[in-house]
Amino acid sequence: QVQLLESGGDTVQSGGSLRLSCEASGFTSTYPFNTYCVGWFRQGPGLEREGIANIDIDGSVDYAPSVKGRFTISKDNAKNTLYLEMKSLEPSDTAMYYCAADACWRFSRWWSSGFSDDAYWGEGTQVTVSA
């Protein structure tokens, strides 16, 4: 059974930094974690879930304009872990942050919309940025 477990969320002041982690488990030997496209998503109060960063199986990354230059996505395939380094945090970054994994041919079709029932999702970690 595939499981994604996010951690690292906290309350920080504006301008601060955080590092989120997403530990993956339960992937098969035929389709291990490193064969999936993975990404970070967030859902702020009263807002829809949005994709903010993703990384594909060859390491290519993409970011939403709202976080580009401030956030960095990376993964350690040996540890089956996805990371999100966040700097220069702003109150508008306050949200529940989720990681997700999906087959790459499918991931690219829905990433910009922010959600897919076909993907594996974690339960999220809360980030709160105070002014």
C-alpha atoms as a PDB file:
ATOM      1  CA  GLN A   1       0.000   0.000   0.000  1.00  0.00           C
ATOM      2  CA  VAL A   2       1.492   3.265  -1.149  1.00  0.00           C
ATOM      3  CA  GLN A   3       1.837   5.934   1.506  1.00  0.00           C
ATOM      4  CA  LEU A   4       3.117   9.493   1.315  1.00  0.00           C
ATOM      5  CA  LEU A   5       3.886  11.212   4.601  1.00  0.00           C
ATOM      6  CA  GLU A   6       4.583  14.925   4.703  1.00  0.00           C
ATOM      7  CA  SER A   7       6.422  16.628   7.539  1.00  0.00           C
ATOM      8  CA  GLY A   8       8.191  19.875   8.347  1.00  0.00           C
ATOM      9  CA  GLY A   9       5.265  22.256   8.453  1.00  0.00           C
ATOM     10  CA  ASP A  10       5.398  24.957  11.115  1.00  0.00           C
ATOM     11  CA  THR A  11       4.504  28.528  11.972  1.00  0.00           C
ATOM     12  CA  VAL A  12       7.162  31.019  10.912  1.00  0.00           C
ATOM     13  CA  GLN A  13       7.459  34.770  10.538  1.00  0.00           C
ATOM     14  CA  SER A  14       7.406  36.508   7.195  1.00  0.00           C
ATOM     15  CA  GLY A  15      10.794  36.219   5.538  1.00  0.00           C
ATOM     16  CA  GLY A  16      11.535  32.918   7.223  1.00  0.00           C
ATOM     17  CA  SER A  17      12.393  29.529   5.776  1.00  0.00           C
ATOM     18  CA  LEU A  18      11.145  25.967   6.065  1.00  0.00           C
ATOM     19  CA  ARG A  19      12.004  22.604   4.602  1.00  0.00           C
ATOM     20  CA  LEU A  20       9.217  20.155   3.925  1.00  0.00           C
ATOM     21  CA  SER A  21       9.749  16.442   3.458  1.00  0.00           C
ATOM     22  CA  CYS A  22       7.565  13.776   1.884  1.00  0.00           C
ATOM     23  CA  GLU A  23       8.556  10.228   2.704  1.00  0.00           C
ATOM     24  CA  ALA A  24       7.207   7.603   0.314  1.00  0.00           C
ATOM     25  CA  SER A  25       6.665   3.934   1.037  1.00  0.00           C
ATOM     26  CA  GLY A  26       4.825   0.951  -0.374  1.00  0.00           C
ATOM     27  CA  PHE A  27       5.848   1.350  -4.006  1.00  0.00           C
ATOM     28  CA  THR A  28       6.483  -1.922  -5.830  1.00  0.00           C
ATOM     29  CA  SER A  29       9.817  -3.135  -7.127  1.00  0.00           C
ATOM     30  CA  THR A  30       8.365  -3.069 -10.641  1.00  0.00           C
ATOM     31  CA  TYR A  31       7.297   0.563 -10.293  1.00  0.00           C
ATOM     32  CA  PRO A  32       9.445   2.066  -7.575  1.00  0.00           C
ATOM     33  CA  PHE A  33       9.175   5.644  -6.347  1.00  0.00           C
ATOM     34  CA  ASN A  34      11.781   6.870  -8.815  1.00  0.00           C
ATOM     35  CA  THR A  35       9.575   5.903 -11.764  1.00  0.00           C
ATOM     36  CA  TYR A  36       6.890   8.406 -10.762  1.00  0.00           C
ATOM     37  CA  CYS A  37       6.570  12.112 -11.360  1.00  0.00           C
ATOM     38  CA  VAL A  38       6.096  13.870  -8.042  1.00  0.00           C
ATOM     39  CA  GLY A  39       5.128  17.297  -6.896  1.00  0.00           C
ATOM     40  CA  TRP A  40       4.135  19.668  -4.145  1.00  0.00           C
ATOM     41  CA  PHE A  41       0.717  21.242  -3.926  1.00  0.00           C
ATOM     42  CA  ARG A  42      -0.910  23.602  -1.491  1.00  0.00           C
ATOM     43  CA  GLN A  43      -4.366  24.729  -0.484  1.00  0.00           C
ATOM     44  CA  GLY A  44      -4.773  28.007   1.319  1.00  0.00           C
ATOM     45  CA  PRO A  45      -7.837  29.064   3.327  1.00  0.00           C
ATOM     46  CA  GLY A  46     -10.809  29.399   1.017  1.00  0.00           C
ATOM     47  CA  LEU A  47      -8.711  28.573  -2.024  1.00  0.00           C
ATOM     48  CA  GLU A  48      -8.494  25.643  -4.397  1.00  0.00           C
ATOM     49  CA  ARG A  49      -5.527  23.323  -4.345  1.00  0.00           C
ATOM     50  CA  GLU A  50      -2.729  24.443  -6.644  1.00  0.00           C
ATOM     51  CA  GLY A  51       0.405  22.820  -7.957  1.00  0.00           C
ATOM     52  CA  ILE A  52       3.512  24.740  -6.939  1.00  0.00           C
ATOM     53  CA  ALA A  53       6.485  22.541  -7.848  1.00  0.00           C
ATOM     54  CA  ASN A  54       7.126  19.253  -9.591  1.00  0.00           C
ATOM     55  CA  ILE A  55      10.038  17.064 -10.565  1.00  0.00           C
ATOM     56  CA  ASP A  56      10.035  14.316 -13.139  1.00  0.00           C
ATOM     57  CA  ILE A  57      12.009  11.096 -13.342  1.00  0.00           C
ATOM     58  CA  ASP A  58      15.024  12.676 -15.019  1.00  0.00           C
ATOM     59  CA  GLY A  59      15.176  15.503 -12.490  1.00  0.00           C
ATOM     60  CA  SER A  60      13.616  18.250 -14.563  1.00  0.00           C
ATOM     61  CA  VAL A  61      11.732  20.699 -12.375  1.00  0.00           C
ATOM     62  CA  ASP A  62       8.942  23.192 -12.861  1.00  0.00           C
ATOM     63  CA  TYR A  63       7.475  25.829 -10.573  1.00  0.00           C
ATOM     64  CA  ALA A  64       4.393  27.940 -10.319  1.00  0.00           C
ATOM     65  CA  PRO A  65       5.171  31.643 -10.851  1.00  0.00           C
ATOM     66  CA  SER A  66       4.117  32.421  -7.286  1.00  0.00           C
ATOM     67  CA  VAL A  67       6.999  30.399  -5.801  1.00  0.00           C
ATOM     68  CA  LYS A  68       9.658  30.451  -8.520  1.00  0.00           C
ATOM     69  CA  GLY A  69      12.926  31.780  -7.178  1.00  0.00           C
ATOM     70  CA  ARG A  70      11.887  31.202  -3.552  1.00  0.00           C
ATOM     71  CA  PHE A  71      11.101  27.470  -3.406  1.00  0.00           C
ATOM     72  CA  THR A  72      13.277  24.555  -4.482  1.00  0.00           C
ATOM     73  CA  ILE A  73      12.032  21.029  -5.074  1.00  0.00           C
ATOM     74  CA  SER A  74      14.371  18.050  -4.874  1.00  0.00           C
ATOM     75  CA  LYS A  75      14.234  14.335  -4.241  1.00  0.00           C
ATOM     76  CA  ASP A  76      16.452  11.612  -2.902  1.00  0.00           C
ATOM     77  CA  ASN A  77      15.537   8.394  -4.678  1.00  0.00           C
ATOM     78  CA  ALA A  78      17.705   6.331  -2.341  1.00  0.00           C
ATOM     79  CA  LYS A  79      15.621   7.554   0.588  1.00  0.00           C
ATOM     80  CA  ASN A  80      12.321   7.633  -1.327  1.00  0.00           C
ATOM     81  CA  THR A  81      11.899  11.195  -0.121  1.00  0.00           C
ATOM     82  CA  LEU A  82      10.770  14.397  -1.776  1.00  0.00           C
ATOM     83  CA  TYR A  83      11.740  17.797  -0.393  1.00  0.00           C
ATOM     84  CA  LEU A  84      10.592  21.392  -0.703  1.00  0.00           C
ATOM     85  CA  GLU A  85      12.964  24.100   0.464  1.00  0.00           C
ATOM     86  CA  MET A  86      11.036  27.313   1.051  1.00  0.00           C
ATOM     87  CA  LYS A  87      12.674  30.694   1.550  1.00  0.00           C
ATOM     88  CA  SER A  88      11.446  34.286   1.841  1.00  0.00           C
ATOM     89  CA  LEU A  89       8.096  33.024   3.054  1.00  0.00           C
ATOM     90  CA  GLU A  90       5.144  35.391   2.860  1.00  0.00           C
ATOM     91  CA  PRO A  91       1.762  35.351   4.605  1.00  0.00           C
ATOM     92  CA  SER A  92       0.243  34.365   1.251  1.00  0.00           C
ATOM     93  CA  ASP A  93       2.210  31.095   1.477  1.00  0.00           C
ATOM     94  CA  THR A  94       0.041  30.034   4.415  1.00  0.00           C
ATOM     95  CA  ALA A  95      -1.585  26.762   3.384  1.00  0.00           C
ATOM     96  CA  MET A  96      -1.783  23.031   3.847  1.00  0.00           C
ATOM     97  CA  TYR A  97       1.018  21.538   1.767  1.00  0.00           C
ATOM     98  CA  TYR A  98       0.619  18.160   0.084  1.00  0.00           C
ATOM     99  CA  CYS A  99       2.874  15.908  -1.936  1.00  0.00           C
ATOM    100  CA  ALA A 100       1.589  13.696  -4.714  1.00  0.00           C
ATOM    101  CA  ALA A 101       2.916  11.042  -7.062  1.00  0.00           C
ATOM    102  CA  ASP A 102       1.556   9.788 -10.353  1.00  0.00           C
ATOM    103  CA  ALA A 103       2.632   8.160 -13.589  1.00  0.00           C
ATOM    104  CA  CYS A 104       4.370  10.821 -15.615  1.00  0.00           C
ATOM    105  CA  TRP A 105       2.181  10.420 -18.716  1.00  0.00           C
ATOM    106  CA  ARG A 106      -0.812  11.278 -16.546  1.00  0.00           C
ATOM    107  CA  PHE A 107       0.821  13.744 -14.121  1.00  0.00           C
ATOM    108  CA  SER A 108       1.567  16.340 -16.770  1.00  0.00           C
ATOM    109  CA  ARG A 109      -2.086  16.435 -17.787  1.00  0.00           C
ATOM    110  CA  TRP A 110      -3.457  17.473 -14.412  1.00  0.00           C
ATOM    111  CA  TRP A 111      -0.618  19.098 -12.464  1.00  0.00           C
ATOM    112  CA  SER A 112      -1.634  22.668 -13.345  1.00  0.00           C
ATOM    113  CA  SER A 113      -5.218  21.995 -12.225  1.00  0.00           C
ATOM    114  CA  GLY A 114      -4.028  20.997  -8.765  1.00  0.00           C
ATOM    115  CA  PHE A 115      -5.715  17.670  -8.162  1.00  0.00           C
ATOM    116  CA  SER A 116      -6.341  14.190  -9.520  1.00  0.00           C
ATOM    117  CA  ASP A 117      -8.136  11.236  -7.988  1.00  0.00           C
ATOM    118  CA  ASP A 118      -5.704   8.932  -9.812  1.00  0.00           C
ATOM    119  CA  ALA A 119      -2.630  10.182  -7.961  1.00  0.00           C
ATOM    120  CA  TYR A 120      -1.215   9.096  -4.633  1.00  0.00           C
ATOM    121  CA  TRP A 121      -1.558  11.844  -2.014  1.00  0.00           C
ATOM    122  CA  GLY A 122      -0.269  12.500   1.448  1.00  0.00           C
ATOM    123  CA  GLU A 123      -2.435  13.990   4.172  1.00  0.00           C
ATOM    124  CA  GLY A 124      -0.591  17.282   4.243  1.00  0.00           C
ATOM    125  CA  THR A 125       1.476  19.421   6.570  1.00  0.00           C
ATOM    126  CA  GLN A 126       0.418  22.908   7.672  1.00  0.00           C
ATOM    127  CA  VAL A 127       2.548  25.955   6.956  1.00  0.00           C
ATOM    128  CA  THR A 128       1.553  29.229   8.582  1.00  0.00           C
ATOM    129  CA  VAL A 129       3.413  32.459   7.884  1.00  0.00           C
ATOM    130  CA  SER A 130       2.730  35.377  10.189  1.00  0.00           C
ATOM    131  CA  ALA A 131       3.197  38.983   9.146  1.00  0.00           C
END
